[in-house]
C-alpha atoms as a PDB file:
ATOM      1  CA  MET A   1      20.374 -32.052  -5.221  1.00  0.00           C
ATOM      2  CA  THR A   2      17.663 -29.360  -5.268  1.00  0.00           C
ATOM      3  CA  GLU A   3      16.566 -28.639  -8.833  1.00  0.00           C
ATOM      4  CA  ILE A   4      13.430 -26.831 -10.152  1.00  0.00           C
ATOM      5  CA  LEU A   5      12.220 -26.938 -13.811  1.00  0.00           C
ATOM      6  CA  THR A   6      10.144 -24.152 -15.338  1.00  0.00           C
ATOM      7  CA  PRO A   7       8.956 -24.136 -18.915  1.00  0.00           C
ATOM      8  CA  ARG A   8      12.240 -22.513 -20.144  1.00  0.00           C
ATOM      9  CA  LEU A   9      14.692 -22.763 -17.303  1.00  0.00           C
ATOM     10  CA  LEU A  10      16.518 -25.112 -14.779  1.00  0.00           C
ATOM     11  CA  LEU A  11      17.183 -23.716 -11.303  1.00  0.00           C
ATOM     12  CA  ARG A  12      19.996 -25.696  -9.748  1.00  0.00           C
ATOM     13  CA  ARG A  13      22.935 -25.672  -7.324  1.00  0.00           C
ATOM     14  CA  TRP A  14      26.235 -24.376  -8.528  1.00  0.00           C
ATOM     15  CA  THR A  15      29.017 -26.130 -10.318  1.00  0.00           C
ATOM     16  CA  ASP A  16      32.605 -25.280 -11.119  1.00  0.00           C
ATOM     17  CA  ASP A  17      31.492 -24.642 -14.756  1.00  0.00           C
ATOM     18  CA  ASP A  18      29.422 -21.631 -13.500  1.00  0.00           C
ATOM     19  CA  LEU A  19      32.281 -19.454 -12.198  1.00  0.00           C
ATOM     20  CA  VAL A  20      33.356 -17.857 -15.494  1.00  0.00           C
ATOM     21  CA  PRO A  21      29.855 -17.141 -16.950  1.00  0.00           C
ATOM     22  CA  LEU A  22      28.776 -15.511 -13.584  1.00  0.00           C
ATOM     23  CA  ALA A  23      31.976 -13.467 -13.353  1.00  0.00           C
ATOM     24  CA  GLU A  24      31.130 -12.243 -16.869  1.00  0.00           C
ATOM     25  CA  ILE A  25      27.733 -11.228 -15.633  1.00  0.00           C
ATOM     26  CA  ASN A  26      29.200  -9.641 -12.490  1.00  0.00           C
ATOM     27  CA  ALA A  27      31.738  -7.632 -14.705  1.00  0.00           C
ATOM     28  CA  ASP A  28      28.955  -5.827 -16.521  1.00  0.00           C
ATOM     29  CA  PRO A  29      28.469  -2.323 -15.122  1.00  0.00           C
ATOM     30  CA  GLU A  30      24.897  -2.227 -16.289  1.00  0.00           C
ATOM     31  CA  VAL A  31      24.077  -5.476 -14.495  1.00  0.00           C
ATOM     32  CA  MET A  32      25.756  -4.159 -11.325  1.00  0.00           C
ATOM     33  CA  ARG A  33      24.322  -0.699 -11.510  1.00  0.00           C
ATOM     34  CA  TRP A  34      21.644  -1.127  -8.706  1.00  0.00           C
ATOM     35  CA  ILE A  35      23.693  -3.569  -6.473  1.00  0.00           C
ATOM     36  CA  GLY A  36      25.537  -2.249  -3.494  1.00  0.00           C
ATOM     37  CA  ASP A  37      27.857   0.683  -4.600  1.00  0.00           C
ATOM     38  CA  GLY A  38      27.497  -0.362  -8.280  1.00  0.00           C
ATOM     39  CA  SER A  39      30.935  -1.844  -8.396  1.00  0.00           C
ATOM     40  CA  VAL A  40      31.579  -4.756 -10.828  1.00  0.00           C
ATOM     41  CA  ARG A  41      33.019  -8.031  -9.412  1.00  0.00           C
ATOM     42  CA  ASP A  42      35.994  -9.921 -10.623  1.00  0.00           C
ATOM     43  CA  LEU A  43      36.651 -13.567 -10.989  1.00  0.00           C
ATOM     44  CA  GLU A  44      38.024 -13.963  -7.249  1.00  0.00           C
ATOM     45  CA  GLN A  45      35.003 -12.073  -5.835  1.00  0.00           C
ATOM     46  CA  THR A  46      32.660 -14.144  -7.879  1.00  0.00           C
ATOM     47  CA  ALA A  47      34.274 -17.338  -6.660  1.00  0.00           C
ATOM     48  CA  GLU A  48      33.932 -16.198  -3.117  1.00  0.00           C
ATOM     49  CA  ALA A  49      30.281 -15.345  -3.626  1.00  0.00           C
ATOM     50  CA  ILE A  50      29.441 -18.822  -5.009  1.00  0.00           C
ATOM     51  CA  GLU A  51      31.251 -20.335  -2.027  1.00  0.00           C
ATOM     52  CA  ARG A  52      29.077 -18.228   0.359  1.00  0.00           C
ATOM     53  CA  ILE A  53      25.972 -19.237  -1.599  1.00  0.00           C
ATOM     54  CA  GLU A  54      26.822 -22.944  -1.269  1.00  0.00           C
ATOM     55  CA  GLU A  55      27.523 -22.450   2.437  1.00  0.00           C
ATOM     56  CA  MET A  56      24.041 -20.857   2.829  1.00  0.00           C
ATOM     57  CA  TRP A  57      22.467 -23.895   1.092  1.00  0.00           C
ATOM     58  CA  ASP A  58      24.192 -26.204   3.596  1.00  0.00           C
ATOM     59  CA  GLU A  59      23.274 -24.088   6.619  1.00  0.00           C
ATOM     60  CA  GLU A  60      19.864 -22.840   5.811  1.00  0.00           C
ATOM     61  CA  GLY A  61      18.516 -25.375   3.425  1.00  0.00           C
ATOM     62  CA  PHE A  62      17.901 -22.647   0.746  1.00  0.00           C
ATOM     63  CA  GLY A  63      20.042 -20.320  -1.196  1.00  0.00           C
ATOM     64  CA  LEU A  64      20.459 -18.709  -4.705  1.00  0.00           C
ATOM     65  CA  PHE A  65      19.961 -21.085  -7.496  1.00  0.00           C
ATOM     66  CA  ALA A  66      22.039 -20.958 -10.613  1.00  0.00           C
ATOM     67  CA  VAL A  67      19.605 -20.317 -13.530  1.00  0.00           C
ATOM     68  CA  GLU A  68      20.275 -22.210 -16.678  1.00  0.00           C
ATOM     69  CA  LEU A  69      18.603 -21.808 -20.046  1.00  0.00           C
ATOM     70  CA  LEU A  70      16.986 -25.293 -20.925  1.00  0.00           C
ATOM     71  CA  GLY A  71      17.507 -24.994 -24.744  1.00  0.00           C
ATOM     72  CA  SER A  72      21.266 -24.170 -24.511  1.00  0.00           C
ATOM     73  CA  GLY A  73      22.322 -25.102 -21.063  1.00  0.00           C
ATOM     74  CA  GLU A  74      23.761 -21.590 -20.819  1.00  0.00           C
ATOM     75  CA  LEU A  75      24.021 -20.014 -17.319  1.00  0.00           C
ATOM     76  CA  ILE A  76      21.960 -16.816 -17.502  1.00  0.00           C
ATOM     77  CA  GLY A  77      22.268 -15.726 -13.803  1.00  0.00           C
ATOM     78  CA  PHE A  78      20.807 -16.441 -10.486  1.00  0.00           C
ATOM     79  CA  THR A  79      17.548 -16.254  -8.545  1.00  0.00           C
ATOM     80  CA  GLY A  80      16.670 -17.453  -5.105  1.00  0.00           C
ATOM     81  CA  LEU A  81      16.727 -16.847  -1.423  1.00  0.00           C
ATOM     82  CA  SER A  82      19.091 -15.170   0.988  1.00  0.00           C
ATOM     83  CA  VAL A  83      19.112 -13.540   4.417  1.00  0.00           C
ATOM     84  CA  PRO A  84      19.480  -9.752   4.015  1.00  0.00           C
ATOM     85  CA  GLU A  85      22.029  -9.195   6.608  1.00  0.00           C
ATOM     86  CA  PHE A  86      23.059  -5.834   5.020  1.00  0.00           C
ATOM     87  CA  LEU A  87      19.779  -4.386   6.240  1.00  0.00           C
ATOM     88  CA  PRO A  88      19.378  -5.396   9.913  1.00  0.00           C
ATOM     89  CA  GLU A  89      16.100  -3.437  10.351  1.00  0.00           C
ATOM     90  CA  VAL A  90      14.281  -6.137   8.343  1.00  0.00           C
ATOM     91  CA  LEU A  91      15.662  -9.182  10.200  1.00  0.00           C
ATOM     92  CA  PRO A  92      14.717 -11.828  10.817  1.00  0.00           C
ATOM     93  CA  ALA A  93      13.739 -12.128   7.139  1.00  0.00           C
ATOM     94  CA  VAL A  94      14.413 -14.121   3.994  1.00  0.00           C
ATOM     95  CA  GLU A  95      14.769 -12.158   0.714  1.00  0.00           C
ATOM     96  CA  ILE A  96      14.185 -13.208  -2.826  1.00  0.00           C
ATOM     97  CA  GLY A  97      16.396 -11.864  -5.389  1.00  0.00           C
ATOM     98  CA  TRP A  98      17.805 -12.332  -8.959  1.00  0.00           C
ATOM     99  CA  ARG A  99      20.583 -11.213 -11.201  1.00  0.00           C
ATOM    100  CA  LEU A 100      20.589 -12.037 -14.922  1.00  0.00           C
ATOM    101  CA  GLY A 101      23.083 -11.232 -17.695  1.00  0.00           C
ATOM    102  CA  ARG A 102      22.108  -8.366 -19.903  1.00  0.00           C
ATOM    103  CA  PRO A 103      21.320 -10.516 -23.004  1.00  0.00           C
ATOM    104  CA  PHE A 104      18.561 -12.185 -21.061  1.00  0.00           C
ATOM    105  CA  TRP A 105      16.726  -9.020 -19.878  1.00  0.00           C
ATOM    106  CA  GLY A 106      13.218  -8.278 -20.987  1.00  0.00           C
ATOM    107  CA  GLN A 107      12.284 -11.915 -21.915  1.00  0.00           C
ATOM    108  CA  GLY A 108      10.462 -12.791 -18.755  1.00  0.00           C
ATOM    109  CA  TYR A 109      13.240 -15.056 -17.384  1.00  0.00           C
ATOM    110  CA  ALA A 110      13.571 -13.250 -14.083  1.00  0.00           C
ATOM    111  CA  SER A 111       9.812 -13.454 -13.395  1.00  0.00           C
ATOM    112  CA  GLU A 112       9.763 -17.125 -14.416  1.00  0.00           C
ATOM    113  CA  ALA A 113      12.800 -17.978 -12.130  1.00  0.00           C
ATOM    114  CA  ALA A 114      11.618 -15.792  -9.365  1.00  0.00           C
ATOM    115  CA  HIS A 115       7.982 -17.431  -9.269  1.00  0.00           C
ATOM    116  CA  ALA A 116       9.607 -20.905  -9.048  1.00  0.00           C
ATOM    117  CA  ALA A 117      11.839 -19.685  -6.200  1.00  0.00           C
ATOM    118  CA  LEU A 118       8.982 -17.990  -4.430  1.00  0.00           C
ATOM    119  CA  GLU A 119       6.882 -21.154  -4.608  1.00  0.00           C
ATOM    120  CA  PHE A 120      10.054 -23.180  -3.334  1.00  0.00           C
ATOM    121  CA  ALA A 121      10.276 -20.702  -0.285  1.00  0.00           C
ATOM    122  CA  LEU A 122       6.598 -20.800   0.623  1.00  0.00           C
ATOM    123  CA  GLU A 123       5.474 -24.143  -0.228  1.00  0.00           C
ATOM    124  CA  ASP A 124       8.739 -26.357  -0.093  1.00  0.00           C
ATOM    125  CA  ARG A 125      10.747 -24.770   2.642  1.00  0.00           C
ATOM    126  CA  GLY A 126       7.720 -23.704   4.725  1.00  0.00           C
ATOM    127  CA  LEU A 127       8.517 -20.019   5.142  1.00  0.00           C
ATOM    128  CA  ASP A 128       5.530 -17.838   6.104  1.00  0.00           C
ATOM    129  CA  ARG A 129       6.790 -14.636   4.525  1.00  0.00           C
ATOM    130  CA  VAL A 130       9.376 -13.464   1.900  1.00  0.00           C
ATOM    131  CA  ILE A 131      10.613  -9.939   1.233  1.00  0.00           C
ATOM    132  CA  SER A 132      12.454  -8.345  -1.666  1.00  0.00           C
ATOM    133  CA  ILE A 133      14.550  -5.281  -1.597  1.00  0.00           C
ATOM    134  CA  ALA A 134      15.320  -2.896  -4.377  1.00  0.00           C
ATOM    135  CA  ARG A 135      16.943   0.472  -4.850  1.00  0.00           C
ATOM    136  CA  ILE A 136      14.332   3.076  -5.561  1.00  0.00           C
ATOM    137  CA  GLY A 137      14.494   3.748  -9.309  1.00  0.00           C
ATOM    138  CA  ASN A 138      15.154   0.105 -10.232  1.00  0.00           C
ATOM    139  CA  THR A 139      11.826  -0.209 -11.940  1.00  0.00           C
ATOM    140  CA  ALA A 140      12.710  -3.493 -13.659  1.00  0.00           C
ATOM    141  CA  SER A 141      13.215  -5.330 -10.378  1.00  0.00           C
ATOM    142  CA  GLU A 142      10.160  -3.730  -8.799  1.00  0.00           C
ATOM    143  CA  ASN A 143       8.124  -4.898 -11.825  1.00  0.00           C
ATOM    144  CA  VAL A 144       9.284  -8.501 -11.152  1.00  0.00           C
ATOM    145  CA  MET A 145       8.206  -7.988  -7.508  1.00  0.00           C
ATOM    146  CA  ARG A 146       4.739  -6.871  -8.490  1.00  0.00           C
ATOM    147  CA  LYS A 147       4.447  -9.799 -10.875  1.00  0.00           C
ATOM    148  CA  LEU A 148       5.227 -12.096  -7.817  1.00  0.00           C
ATOM    149  CA  GLY A 149       2.212 -10.483  -5.863  1.00  0.00           C
ATOM    150  CA  MET A 150       4.541  -8.636  -3.531  1.00  0.00           C
ATOM    151  CA  VAL A 151       3.437  -5.292  -2.252  1.00  0.00           C
ATOM    152  CA  PRO A 152       5.626  -2.393  -0.985  1.00  0.00           C
ATOM    153  CA  GLU A 153       5.918  -2.412   2.785  1.00  0.00           C
ATOM    154  CA  ARG A 154       8.416   0.393   3.672  1.00  0.00           C
ATOM    155  CA  GLU A 155      11.038   2.563   2.395  1.00  0.00           C
ATOM    156  CA  THR A 156      14.400   2.939   4.093  1.00  0.00           C
ATOM    157  CA  VAL A 157      18.043   3.659   3.358  1.00  0.00           C
ATOM    158  CA  ASP A 158      20.886   1.287   2.710  1.00  0.00           C
ATOM    159  CA  PRO A 159      22.994   1.672   5.900  1.00  0.00           C
ATOM    160  CA  GLU A 160      26.326   1.210   4.043  1.00  0.00           C
ATOM    161  CA  TYR A 161      25.839   3.163   0.832  1.00  0.00           C
ATOM    162  CA  GLY A 162      22.983   5.559   1.686  1.00  0.00           C
ATOM    163  CA  HIS A 163      20.789   4.640  -1.290  1.00  0.00           C
ATOM    164  CA  PRO A 164      17.068   4.797  -0.807  1.00  0.00           C
ATOM    165  CA  LEU A 165      15.489   1.366  -0.802  1.00  0.00           C
ATOM    166  CA  ARG A 166      12.030  -0.031  -1.018  1.00  0.00           C
ATOM    167  CA  VAL A 167      11.046  -3.320   0.719  1.00  0.00           C
ATOM    168  CA  HIS A 168       8.378  -5.408  -0.859  1.00  0.00           C
ATOM    169  CA  ALA A 169       6.838  -8.434   0.875  1.00  0.00           C
ATOM    170  CA  ILE A 170       4.413 -11.296   0.502  1.00  0.00           C
ATOM    171  CA  ASP A 171       3.143 -13.760   3.109  1.00  0.00           C
ATOM    172  CA  LEU A 172       1.793 -17.242   2.656  1.00  0.00           C
ATOM    173  CA  THR A 173      -1.809 -16.192   2.892  1.00  0.00           C
ATOM    174  CA  GLU A 174      -1.406 -13.555   0.133  1.00  0.00           C
ATOM    175  CA  TYR A 175       0.581 -16.090  -2.056  1.00  0.00           C
ATOM    176  CA  ARG A 176      -2.158 -18.645  -1.826  1.00  0.00           C
ATOM    177  CA  ALA A 177      -4.991 -15.985  -2.451  1.00  0.00           C
END
């Protein structure tokens, strides 16, 4: 089982116990504000998402990690890798992303988890390049991208929802610099 420890977090594969806490995160309109059309997700949609995440792990050897707070064992969200199929113009690519419950915002958890996931991508899984995509205006996510050393690469539009997007990227050489 793939696990990564950081000073405050455990990044790990998903368990049945994660369904309800992730569904609670996905049901928060503020959390979902910048994702897709901004719709919240219910328990069934969350279960389907976890199933797709686990299938990606099995097929690709990477995926989104469940992020657990070491002190309490509480699920605070996810971070990790996916293939951004919703934006065909950037393919082939692997994207790093994150989603945390609102009580865990502003404490550096997203950056801490994303740093570990980026290292996993470039050093462990041997990827040469990783991107991250954010809706323009989502300054919190773009701040995490900058902390990862990612730089803006292009602006585009979400083909399904019409939102302006900014794609950030980092390659192995930049990461090691």
